[in-house]
Amino acid sequence: MAALDFPDAPTVGQVFDKWTWNGTAWLLTPVTVSGAGVWTSFTLVWSSAISAPTIGNASPVRARYRLDGDVVEVYYHMTFGTTTNGGTGALAFDLPFQAHAEHQEQYLHAKLFVPSANMNFHGYGHIGLSNTHVFPHFPRTDTHNGMDPWRSADVSGAPGTGIPLITGAYSMQSTGNLTVQGRYRKAP
C-alpha cells in the first residue's frame, strides 16, 4: 500500500483522504452515517448476573450514542483502574434505548485488552429481542473459537475463572480496556 502524501501545513479541521488534522496530528475521520444526529453522552450502567461490578477509578469511561431514525449508533469505552471490579457472573451494559421487538438478535463489535496476556480479544456484544442490555462475549481462551459471556470471575471470585480465561489472573485488569460499538435498531 502506498503511503499518503499529507499536506505540509494543514489547518485545524482540514480533511485529507480519510484523515482530519486536529492541530497536532492527523486522526482517522469517523465514518458519518447519513442523517445521523450528534453524539450524546449517557450514564454508563454496568451490571452482572451474580455480584455487582464497580467502575471504581476507571478512566476514561465513555458511553455515547447518536440516532438516525430508529437506528442507534452506540459507543462504550472503559479503561480499567486499580479499583475497578467486575464482580462475578456475566457482565452487561445498559443500552440507551430498548432494542426493537422485530429483531430476534442484534450484534455489536466488542474488544477487550488484557495487559497480562498483552492481547486484544475480539468478540461481539449480543442484544436480544426487545432487550435493554448489551452482553459482551469473548473467546474462552486465545486458542478457542467459541464465544462465552464476558466475566471477570465465576461465582468463586477466583483469578483465572473469567472469560477469557487468563491463567492465575482476572480478565479485567488495571490499564486494560473494553470497547463495544456498533449499530442496532431501537424499539419505536
Protein backbone atom coordinates (compact mmCIF):
# COMPACT_ATOMS: atom_id res chain seq x y z
CA MET A 1 0.00 0.00 0.00
CA ALA A 2 1.38 3.40 -0.94
CA ALA A 3 1.99 5.99 1.77
CA LEU A 4 -0.25 9.05 1.82
CA ASP A 5 1.37 12.39 0.99
CA PHE A 6 -0.18 14.53 3.74
CA PRO A 7 -0.18 18.34 3.27
CA ASP A 8 2.84 20.08 4.86
CA ALA A 9 1.00 22.99 6.55
CA PRO A 10 -2.54 21.79 7.35
CA THR A 11 -5.15 23.90 9.13
CA VAL A 12 -7.15 22.62 12.10
CA GLY A 13 -10.14 20.64 10.82
CA GLN A 14 -8.65 20.12 7.36
CA VAL A 15 -9.66 16.76 5.87
CA PHE A 16 -7.31 14.75 3.64
CA ASP A 17 -8.44 11.39 2.26
CA LYS A 18 -9.94 9.73 5.41
CA TRP A 19 -7.89 11.83 7.88
CA THR A 20 -8.55 15.09 9.79
CA TRP A 21 -5.87 17.42 11.19
CA ASN A 22 -6.57 18.30 14.89
CA GLY A 23 -3.75 20.84 15.27
CA THR A 24 -1.08 18.35 16.35
CA ALA A 25 -1.77 15.09 14.47
CA TRP A 26 -3.71 13.51 11.62
CA LEU A 27 -6.59 11.41 13.03
CA LEU A 28 -8.78 8.94 11.19
CA THR A 29 -12.04 10.74 10.39
CA PRO A 30 -15.02 8.90 11.93
CA VAL A 31 -17.46 7.46 9.43
CA THR A 32 -20.64 9.53 9.38
CA VAL A 33 -23.94 7.75 9.00
CA SER A 34 -26.15 9.65 6.57
CA GLY A 35 -28.57 11.82 8.54
CA ALA A 36 -27.15 10.76 11.90
CA GLY A 37 -27.61 13.12 14.82
CA VAL A 38 -24.97 14.48 17.15
CA TRP A 39 -23.19 12.26 19.64
CA THR A 40 -24.90 12.34 23.05
CA SER A 41 -23.27 11.12 26.26
CA PHE A 42 -25.25 8.97 28.68
CA THR A 43 -24.50 7.40 32.06
CA LEU A 44 -22.80 4.03 31.80
CA VAL A 45 -24.78 1.47 33.82
CA TRP A 46 -22.91 -1.78 34.28
CA SER A 47 -24.37 -4.95 35.79
CA SER A 48 -23.51 -8.58 36.45
CA ALA A 49 -25.51 -11.78 36.72
CA ILE A 50 -24.27 -12.66 40.23
CA SER A 51 -22.47 -9.88 42.14
CA ALA A 52 -22.38 -6.22 41.14
CA PRO A 53 -19.36 -4.79 39.34
CA THR A 54 -17.92 -1.39 40.32
CA ILE A 55 -16.43 1.15 37.94
CA GLY A 56 -14.15 2.48 40.72
CA ASN A 57 -11.33 4.66 39.35
CA ALA A 58 -11.70 3.52 35.74
CA SER A 59 -10.78 6.35 33.38
CA PRO A 60 -11.75 7.21 30.78
CA VAL A 61 -15.31 5.89 30.94
CA ARG A 62 -17.40 6.79 27.91
CA ALA A 63 -20.92 5.95 26.81
CA ARG A 64 -22.29 7.79 23.78
CA TYR A 65 -24.95 7.33 21.14
CA ARG A 66 -26.47 9.06 18.16
CA LEU A 67 -29.70 8.45 16.30
CA ASP A 68 -30.51 8.05 12.63
CA GLY A 69 -34.25 7.37 12.61
CA ASP A 70 -34.74 4.12 14.53
CA VAL A 71 -31.06 3.13 14.21
CA VAL A 72 -28.86 3.81 17.26
CA GLU A 73 -25.11 4.05 16.81
CA VAL A 74 -23.62 3.34 20.24
CA TYR A 75 -20.09 3.52 21.68
CA TYR A 76 -18.86 2.32 25.08
CA HIS A 77 -15.26 2.51 26.29
CA MET A 78 -13.72 1.92 29.71
CA THR A 79 -10.06 1.76 30.73
CA PHE A 80 -9.99 -0.20 33.97
CA GLY A 81 -8.40 1.28 37.09
CA THR A 82 -6.90 -0.32 40.19
CA THR A 83 -10.30 -0.21 41.96
CA THR A 84 -12.40 -1.38 39.01
CA ASN A 85 -14.05 -4.67 39.95
CA GLY A 86 -16.00 -6.90 37.57
CA GLY A 87 -17.95 -8.70 40.26
CA THR A 88 -18.92 -12.26 39.32
CA GLY A 89 -21.02 -13.67 36.52
CA ALA A 90 -21.84 -12.46 33.01
CA LEU A 91 -21.41 -8.69 32.56
CA ALA A 92 -23.73 -6.32 30.68
CA PHE A 93 -24.16 -2.62 29.88
CA ASP A 94 -27.48 -0.77 29.64
CA LEU A 95 -28.47 0.36 26.16
CA PRO A 96 -29.57 3.98 25.68
CA PHE A 97 -32.82 2.69 24.07
CA GLN A 98 -34.65 -0.63 24.20
CA ALA A 99 -33.96 -2.91 21.22
CA HIS A 100 -36.68 -3.48 18.61
CA ALA A 101 -39.04 -6.45 19.03
CA GLU A 102 -38.83 -7.42 15.34
CA HIS A 103 -35.19 -8.48 15.62
CA GLN A 104 -34.51 -11.76 17.40
CA GLU A 105 -30.83 -10.85 17.86
CA GLN A 106 -28.61 -7.88 17.06
CA TYR A 107 -24.82 -7.70 17.39
CA LEU A 108 -22.17 -5.04 18.06
CA HIS A 109 -18.36 -5.36 17.90
CA ALA A 110 -16.54 -5.84 21.22
CA LYS A 111 -12.80 -5.67 22.00
CA LEU A 112 -11.13 -6.43 25.36
CA PHE A 113 -7.43 -5.67 26.00
CA VAL A 114 -5.88 -7.81 28.78
CA PRO A 115 -2.46 -6.41 29.84
CA SER A 116 -1.01 -9.56 31.47
CA ALA A 117 -1.67 -11.51 28.26
CA ASN A 118 -0.68 -8.47 26.13
CA MET A 119 -3.65 -9.38 23.91
CA ASN A 120 -6.74 -7.90 22.37
CA PHE A 121 -9.65 -10.34 22.45
CA HIS A 122 -12.24 -9.58 19.76
CA GLY A 123 -15.82 -10.66 20.22
CA TYR A 124 -19.33 -9.32 19.96
CA GLY A 125 -21.97 -7.59 22.02
CA HIS A 126 -25.23 -9.57 21.97
CA ILE A 127 -28.57 -7.72 22.10
CA GLY A 128 -31.60 -9.99 22.45
CA LEU A 129 -35.19 -9.44 21.40
CA SER A 130 -36.57 -6.21 22.96
CA ASN A 131 -33.61 -6.17 25.35
CA THR A 132 -32.34 -3.17 27.29
CA HIS A 133 -28.77 -4.52 27.73
CA VAL A 134 -25.80 -5.49 25.58
CA PHE A 135 -23.83 -8.55 26.74
CA PRO A 136 -20.18 -8.68 25.56
CA HIS A 137 -18.96 -12.16 24.53
CA PHE A 138 -15.33 -13.19 24.02
CA PRO A 139 -13.38 -16.34 23.11
CA ARG A 140 -12.89 -18.61 26.12
CA THR A 141 -9.10 -18.56 25.50
CA ASP A 142 -6.73 -17.20 22.89
CA THR A 143 -6.88 -20.60 21.11
CA HIS A 144 -10.61 -21.32 21.50
CA ASN A 145 -13.01 -20.04 18.84
CA GLY A 146 -16.23 -20.49 20.82
CA MET A 147 -17.70 -17.37 22.42
CA ASP A 148 -18.92 -17.08 26.02
CA PRO A 149 -20.34 -14.17 28.02
CA TRP A 150 -17.61 -11.89 29.38
CA ARG A 151 -16.98 -12.16 33.10
CA SER A 152 -14.19 -11.09 35.43
CA ALA A 153 -14.60 -14.24 37.53
CA ASP A 154 -17.05 -17.07 38.13
CA VAL A 155 -19.09 -17.38 41.34
CA SER A 156 -15.94 -18.34 43.28
CA GLY A 157 -14.41 -14.92 42.55
CA ALA A 158 -11.03 -16.59 41.99
CA PRO A 159 -8.46 -15.32 39.47
CA GLY A 160 -8.29 -17.37 36.28
CA THR A 161 -12.04 -18.18 36.24
CA GLY A 162 -13.18 -15.33 33.98
CA ILE A 163 -13.86 -15.18 30.25
CA PRO A 164 -11.42 -15.03 28.60
CA LEU A 165 -9.59 -17.49 30.85
CA ILE A 166 -6.29 -15.89 31.86
CA THR A 167 -4.23 -18.33 33.96
CA GLY A 168 -3.94 -17.00 37.51
CA ALA A 169 -5.40 -13.60 36.62
CA TYR A 170 -8.65 -11.75 36.03
CA SER A 171 -9.79 -10.85 32.50
CA MET A 172 -10.33 -7.30 33.78
CA GLN A 173 -7.03 -5.72 34.83
CA SER A 174 -5.81 -2.21 35.62
CA THR A 175 -4.82 -0.41 32.37
CA GLY A 176 -6.79 -2.96 30.36
CA ASN A 177 -9.79 -1.70 28.44
CA LEU A 178 -13.06 -2.60 26.82
CA THR A 179 -14.70 -1.07 23.76
CA VAL A 180 -18.14 -2.02 22.47
CA GLN A 181 -19.51 -0.21 19.43
CA GLY A 182 -21.88 -0.58 16.54
CA ARG A 183 -25.46 0.00 15.43
CA TYR A 184 -28.75 -1.55 16.42
CA ARG A 185 -32.41 -0.92 15.73
CA LYS A 186 -34.37 0.55 18.64
CA ALA A 187 -37.98 0.00 19.64
CA PRO A 188 -40.48 2.58 18.31
